[in-house]
N, C-alpha and C. Protein backbone atom coordinates (compact mmCIF):
# COMPACT_ATOMS: atom_id res chain seq x y z
N MET A 1 7.03 -13.32 -18.00
CA MET A 1 5.60 -13.09 -18.02
C MET A 1 5.37 -11.74 -18.70
N THR A 2 4.44 -11.68 -19.63
CA THR A 2 4.14 -10.45 -20.34
C THR A 2 3.25 -9.55 -19.48
N ASP A 3 3.12 -8.28 -19.90
CA ASP A 3 2.25 -7.35 -19.17
C ASP A 3 0.80 -7.84 -19.17
N ALA A 4 0.37 -8.41 -20.27
CA ALA A 4 -1.01 -8.92 -20.36
C ALA A 4 -1.21 -10.07 -19.39
N GLU A 5 -0.22 -10.96 -19.28
CA GLU A 5 -0.32 -12.08 -18.35
C GLU A 5 -0.32 -11.59 -16.91
N THR A 6 0.53 -10.59 -16.61
CA THR A 6 0.58 -10.03 -15.27
C THR A 6 -0.74 -9.39 -14.92
N SER A 7 -1.32 -8.63 -15.84
CA SER A 7 -2.60 -7.98 -15.62
C SER A 7 -3.70 -8.99 -15.38
N THR A 8 -3.72 -10.06 -16.18
CA THR A 8 -4.73 -11.10 -16.02
C THR A 8 -4.58 -11.79 -14.68
N THR A 9 -3.34 -12.06 -14.25
CA THR A 9 -3.11 -12.69 -12.96
C THR A 9 -3.62 -11.80 -11.83
N ALA A 10 -3.34 -10.51 -11.89
CA ALA A 10 -3.82 -9.58 -10.87
C ALA A 10 -5.34 -9.54 -10.84
N GLN A 11 -5.97 -9.55 -12.01
CA GLN A 11 -7.44 -9.56 -12.07
C GLN A 11 -7.99 -10.85 -11.49
N ASP A 12 -7.34 -11.98 -11.79
CA ASP A 12 -7.79 -13.26 -11.25
C ASP A 12 -7.68 -13.27 -9.72
N GLU A 13 -6.59 -12.72 -9.18
CA GLU A 13 -6.41 -12.67 -7.73
C GLU A 13 -7.49 -11.81 -7.09
N ARG A 14 -7.79 -10.66 -7.70
CA ARG A 14 -8.84 -9.79 -7.15
C ARG A 14 -10.18 -10.51 -7.19
N ALA A 15 -10.47 -11.19 -8.29
CA ALA A 15 -11.75 -11.89 -8.42
C ALA A 15 -11.86 -13.01 -7.38
N ALA A 16 -10.74 -13.63 -7.05
CA ALA A 16 -10.75 -14.72 -6.08
C ALA A 16 -10.75 -14.19 -4.64
N GLY A 17 -10.66 -12.87 -4.47
CA GLY A 17 -10.66 -12.29 -3.14
C GLY A 17 -9.32 -12.38 -2.44
N LEU A 18 -8.25 -12.59 -3.20
CA LEU A 18 -6.93 -12.69 -2.60
C LEU A 18 -6.33 -11.30 -2.43
N PRO A 19 -5.64 -11.04 -1.33
CA PRO A 19 -5.05 -9.73 -1.12
C PRO A 19 -3.95 -9.44 -2.12
N ARG A 20 -3.82 -8.20 -2.46
CA ARG A 20 -2.78 -7.78 -3.39
C ARG A 20 -1.52 -7.37 -2.65
N ARG A 21 -1.63 -7.04 -1.40
CA ARG A 21 -0.49 -6.57 -0.63
C ARG A 21 -0.16 -7.57 0.47
N PRO A 22 1.09 -7.56 0.91
CA PRO A 22 1.41 -8.36 2.10
C PRO A 22 0.65 -7.81 3.31
N ARG A 23 0.34 -8.65 4.27
CA ARG A 23 -0.41 -8.23 5.45
C ARG A 23 0.25 -7.07 6.18
N GLU A 24 1.58 -7.11 6.26
CA GLU A 24 2.30 -6.07 6.97
C GLU A 24 2.09 -4.71 6.31
N GLU A 25 2.08 -4.68 4.99
CA GLU A 25 1.86 -3.43 4.28
C GLU A 25 0.42 -2.94 4.45
N THR A 26 -0.54 -3.87 4.40
CA THR A 26 -1.94 -3.50 4.64
C THR A 26 -2.09 -2.91 6.04
N ALA A 27 -1.45 -3.53 7.02
CA ALA A 27 -1.51 -3.03 8.40
C ALA A 27 -0.90 -1.64 8.50
N ARG A 28 0.27 -1.45 7.90
CA ARG A 28 0.95 -0.16 7.96
C ARG A 28 0.10 0.93 7.32
N LEU A 29 -0.41 0.65 6.12
CA LEU A 29 -1.24 1.63 5.42
C LEU A 29 -2.53 1.90 6.18
N GLY A 30 -3.16 0.85 6.70
CA GLY A 30 -4.39 1.02 7.46
C GLY A 30 -4.19 1.88 8.70
N ASP A 31 -3.10 1.63 9.42
CA ASP A 31 -2.80 2.43 10.61
C ASP A 31 -2.52 3.89 10.24
N GLU A 32 -1.80 4.11 9.15
CA GLU A 32 -1.51 5.48 8.71
C GLU A 32 -2.79 6.22 8.34
N ILE A 33 -3.66 5.57 7.57
CA ILE A 33 -4.93 6.19 7.17
C ILE A 33 -5.78 6.48 8.40
N TYR A 34 -5.83 5.53 9.33
CA TYR A 34 -6.63 5.73 10.54
C TYR A 34 -6.13 6.93 11.33
N GLU A 35 -4.84 6.98 11.60
CA GLU A 35 -4.30 8.08 12.41
C GLU A 35 -4.45 9.42 11.72
N ARG A 36 -4.22 9.46 10.43
CA ARG A 36 -4.23 10.72 9.67
C ARG A 36 -5.65 11.22 9.38
N ASP A 37 -6.55 10.33 8.96
CA ASP A 37 -7.83 10.77 8.42
C ASP A 37 -9.06 10.42 9.27
N ILE A 38 -9.00 9.31 9.99
CA ILE A 38 -10.21 8.77 10.59
C ILE A 38 -10.31 9.02 12.09
N ARG A 39 -9.23 8.81 12.81
CA ARG A 39 -9.27 8.89 14.27
C ARG A 39 -9.92 10.17 14.79
N PRO A 40 -9.55 11.35 14.27
CA PRO A 40 -10.17 12.57 14.80
C PRO A 40 -11.69 12.61 14.59
N GLN A 41 -12.19 11.90 13.59
CA GLN A 41 -13.62 11.92 13.29
C GLN A 41 -14.43 10.92 14.11
N VAL A 42 -13.79 9.86 14.59
CA VAL A 42 -14.55 8.79 15.24
C VAL A 42 -14.31 8.65 16.74
N GLU A 43 -13.21 9.16 17.23
CA GLU A 43 -12.81 8.87 18.60
C GLU A 43 -13.83 9.33 19.64
N ALA A 44 -14.44 10.48 19.46
CA ALA A 44 -15.36 11.01 20.47
C ALA A 44 -16.69 10.26 20.52
N ASP A 45 -17.20 9.85 19.36
CA ASP A 45 -18.56 9.30 19.31
C ASP A 45 -18.66 7.80 19.04
N HIS A 46 -17.56 7.13 18.79
CA HIS A 46 -17.63 5.72 18.37
C HIS A 46 -16.71 4.81 19.17
N GLN A 47 -16.49 5.11 20.45
CA GLN A 47 -15.62 4.27 21.28
C GLN A 47 -16.06 2.81 21.23
N ASP A 48 -15.09 1.93 21.07
CA ASP A 48 -15.27 0.47 21.06
C ASP A 48 -16.00 -0.06 19.84
N GLU A 49 -16.32 0.79 18.88
CA GLU A 49 -16.87 0.31 17.61
C GLU A 49 -15.72 -0.06 16.68
N VAL A 50 -16.03 -0.73 15.58
CA VAL A 50 -15.02 -1.22 14.65
C VAL A 50 -15.00 -0.35 13.40
N VAL A 51 -13.78 -0.04 12.93
CA VAL A 51 -13.59 0.70 11.69
C VAL A 51 -12.99 -0.26 10.67
N ALA A 52 -13.59 -0.32 9.49
CA ALA A 52 -13.06 -1.10 8.37
C ALA A 52 -12.54 -0.11 7.35
N ILE A 53 -11.27 -0.29 6.93
CA ILE A 53 -10.61 0.65 6.02
C ILE A 53 -10.16 -0.08 4.76
N ASP A 54 -10.57 0.42 3.60
CA ASP A 54 -10.03 -0.06 2.32
C ASP A 54 -8.74 0.71 2.10
N VAL A 55 -7.59 0.06 2.26
CA VAL A 55 -6.32 0.77 2.22
C VAL A 55 -5.97 1.28 0.83
N GLU A 56 -6.59 0.74 -0.20
CA GLU A 56 -6.32 1.21 -1.55
C GLU A 56 -6.97 2.58 -1.81
N SER A 57 -8.21 2.72 -1.40
CA SER A 57 -8.95 3.96 -1.69
C SER A 57 -8.99 4.93 -0.52
N GLY A 58 -8.77 4.43 0.69
CA GLY A 58 -8.92 5.26 1.88
C GLY A 58 -10.35 5.34 2.37
N SER A 59 -11.28 4.64 1.69
CA SER A 59 -12.68 4.60 2.13
C SER A 59 -12.76 3.83 3.44
N TRP A 60 -13.73 4.18 4.26
CA TRP A 60 -13.87 3.50 5.55
C TRP A 60 -15.32 3.53 6.00
N ALA A 61 -15.62 2.65 6.96
CA ALA A 61 -16.95 2.57 7.53
C ALA A 61 -16.83 2.14 8.99
N VAL A 62 -17.81 2.55 9.79
CA VAL A 62 -17.84 2.21 11.21
C VAL A 62 -19.06 1.34 11.48
N GLY A 63 -18.88 0.34 12.34
CA GLY A 63 -19.99 -0.52 12.72
C GLY A 63 -19.82 -1.00 14.15
N ASP A 64 -20.88 -1.58 14.69
CA ASP A 64 -20.83 -2.10 16.06
C ASP A 64 -19.91 -3.30 16.19
N ASN A 65 -19.70 -4.02 15.07
CA ASN A 65 -18.83 -5.19 15.09
C ASN A 65 -18.16 -5.34 13.72
N VAL A 66 -17.33 -6.35 13.58
CA VAL A 66 -16.56 -6.56 12.35
C VAL A 66 -17.50 -6.75 11.15
N ILE A 67 -18.52 -7.55 11.30
CA ILE A 67 -19.42 -7.83 10.18
C ILE A 67 -20.15 -6.57 9.74
N ALA A 68 -20.67 -5.80 10.69
CA ALA A 68 -21.39 -4.57 10.34
C ALA A 68 -20.47 -3.58 9.63
N ALA A 69 -19.25 -3.41 10.14
CA ALA A 69 -18.31 -2.46 9.53
C ALA A 69 -17.91 -2.90 8.13
N THR A 70 -17.60 -4.20 7.96
CA THR A 70 -17.19 -4.66 6.63
C THR A 70 -18.35 -4.66 5.65
N ASP A 71 -19.55 -4.97 6.11
CA ASP A 71 -20.73 -4.89 5.23
C ASP A 71 -20.94 -3.47 4.72
N GLN A 72 -20.82 -2.50 5.62
CA GLN A 72 -20.98 -1.10 5.21
C GLN A 72 -19.89 -0.67 4.23
N LEU A 73 -18.66 -1.09 4.51
CA LEU A 73 -17.56 -0.75 3.60
C LEU A 73 -17.77 -1.39 2.23
N ARG A 74 -18.16 -2.64 2.21
CA ARG A 74 -18.35 -3.33 0.93
C ARG A 74 -19.55 -2.78 0.17
N ALA A 75 -20.52 -2.18 0.85
CA ALA A 75 -21.63 -1.50 0.17
C ALA A 75 -21.11 -0.27 -0.57
N GLN A 76 -20.11 0.40 0.02
CA GLN A 76 -19.49 1.58 -0.61
C GLN A 76 -18.49 1.16 -1.68
N ARG A 77 -17.68 0.15 -1.37
CA ARG A 77 -16.57 -0.30 -2.21
C ARG A 77 -16.65 -1.80 -2.41
N PRO A 78 -17.51 -2.27 -3.33
CA PRO A 78 -17.69 -3.72 -3.51
C PRO A 78 -16.40 -4.47 -3.85
N GLY A 79 -15.45 -3.81 -4.47
CA GLY A 79 -14.21 -4.48 -4.85
C GLY A 79 -13.11 -4.40 -3.83
N ALA A 80 -13.41 -3.91 -2.64
CA ALA A 80 -12.38 -3.76 -1.60
C ALA A 80 -11.79 -5.12 -1.24
N ILE A 81 -10.47 -5.21 -1.32
CA ILE A 81 -9.80 -6.47 -1.01
C ILE A 81 -8.90 -6.32 0.21
N ASP A 82 -8.02 -5.32 0.18
CA ASP A 82 -7.08 -5.10 1.27
C ASP A 82 -7.76 -4.23 2.32
N VAL A 83 -8.42 -4.86 3.27
CA VAL A 83 -9.20 -4.16 4.29
C VAL A 83 -8.51 -4.34 5.64
N TRP A 84 -8.35 -3.22 6.36
CA TRP A 84 -7.75 -3.23 7.69
C TRP A 84 -8.83 -2.89 8.69
N LEU A 85 -8.88 -3.63 9.79
CA LEU A 85 -9.90 -3.45 10.83
C LEU A 85 -9.26 -2.98 12.12
N LEU A 86 -9.91 -2.01 12.76
CA LEU A 86 -9.44 -1.48 14.04
C LEU A 86 -10.62 -1.27 14.97
N ARG A 87 -10.37 -1.33 16.27
CA ARG A 87 -11.39 -0.98 17.25
C ARG A 87 -11.06 0.42 17.75
N VAL A 88 -12.03 1.33 17.70
CA VAL A 88 -11.82 2.72 18.10
C VAL A 88 -11.47 2.77 19.59
N GLY A 89 -10.36 3.43 19.89
CA GLY A 89 -9.93 3.61 21.27
C GLY A 89 -9.16 2.45 21.86
N SER A 90 -8.79 1.47 21.06
CA SER A 90 -8.11 0.29 21.57
C SER A 90 -6.91 -0.06 20.70
N ARG A 91 -5.94 -0.72 21.30
CA ARG A 91 -4.78 -1.19 20.55
C ARG A 91 -5.03 -2.52 19.86
N ALA A 92 -6.13 -3.18 20.23
CA ALA A 92 -6.41 -4.51 19.68
C ALA A 92 -7.86 -4.58 19.20
N LEU A 93 -8.06 -5.33 18.13
CA LEU A 93 -9.42 -5.53 17.63
C LEU A 93 -10.21 -6.41 18.59
N TYR A 94 -9.57 -7.46 19.10
CA TYR A 94 -10.18 -8.36 20.07
C TYR A 94 -9.31 -8.41 21.31
N HIS A 95 -9.89 -8.78 22.44
CA HIS A 95 -9.11 -8.96 23.65
C HIS A 95 -9.65 -10.16 24.42
N PHE A 96 -8.78 -10.76 25.19
CA PHE A 96 -9.14 -11.87 26.06
C PHE A 96 -8.89 -11.42 27.49
N GLY A 97 -9.73 -11.81 28.39
CA GLY A 97 -9.50 -11.46 29.78
C GLY A 97 -10.48 -10.42 30.26
N GLY A 98 -10.14 -9.80 31.38
CA GLY A 98 -11.05 -8.95 32.09
C GLY A 98 -11.28 -7.57 31.54
N ARG A 99 -10.32 -7.00 30.83
CA ARG A 99 -10.53 -5.63 30.36
C ARG A 99 -9.83 -5.42 29.02
N PRO A 100 -10.33 -4.50 28.21
CA PRO A 100 -9.73 -4.25 26.90
C PRO A 100 -8.42 -3.48 27.02
N LEU A 101 -7.61 -3.62 26.00
CA LEU A 101 -6.37 -2.85 25.91
C LEU A 101 -6.69 -1.47 25.36
N ARG A 102 -6.40 -0.43 26.09
CA ARG A 102 -6.64 0.95 25.64
C ARG A 102 -5.38 1.51 25.03
N ARG A 103 -5.57 2.47 24.14
CA ARG A 103 -4.44 3.18 23.55
C ARG A 103 -3.78 4.04 24.61
N ALA A 104 -2.47 4.16 24.50
CA ALA A 104 -1.75 5.08 25.38
C ALA A 104 -2.09 6.50 24.95
N GLU A 105 -2.40 7.33 25.88
CA GLU A 105 -2.78 8.73 25.56
C GLU A 105 -1.56 9.57 25.35
């Protein structure tokens, strides 16, 4: 495959909304960005809200739920494809049962 063909394939994947990275890499990068750049800014005032992170640019947005956070992020970064979602103060985005999973302090 030539460089031009590779470039066209990557552009086609982005246009189709397909992720460029494996999920594991998106998760790793998203967690790193969150811990390094975002957590200190959101933890005090945004407990239980959702953070959407564009792992390519490091841009992020906070919302009351997944849709609100991703809508805000996509308003900033319309081409965001590899997006990682986290719930502030929790180990899980969603939980089942009586109480949410909290981060270990």
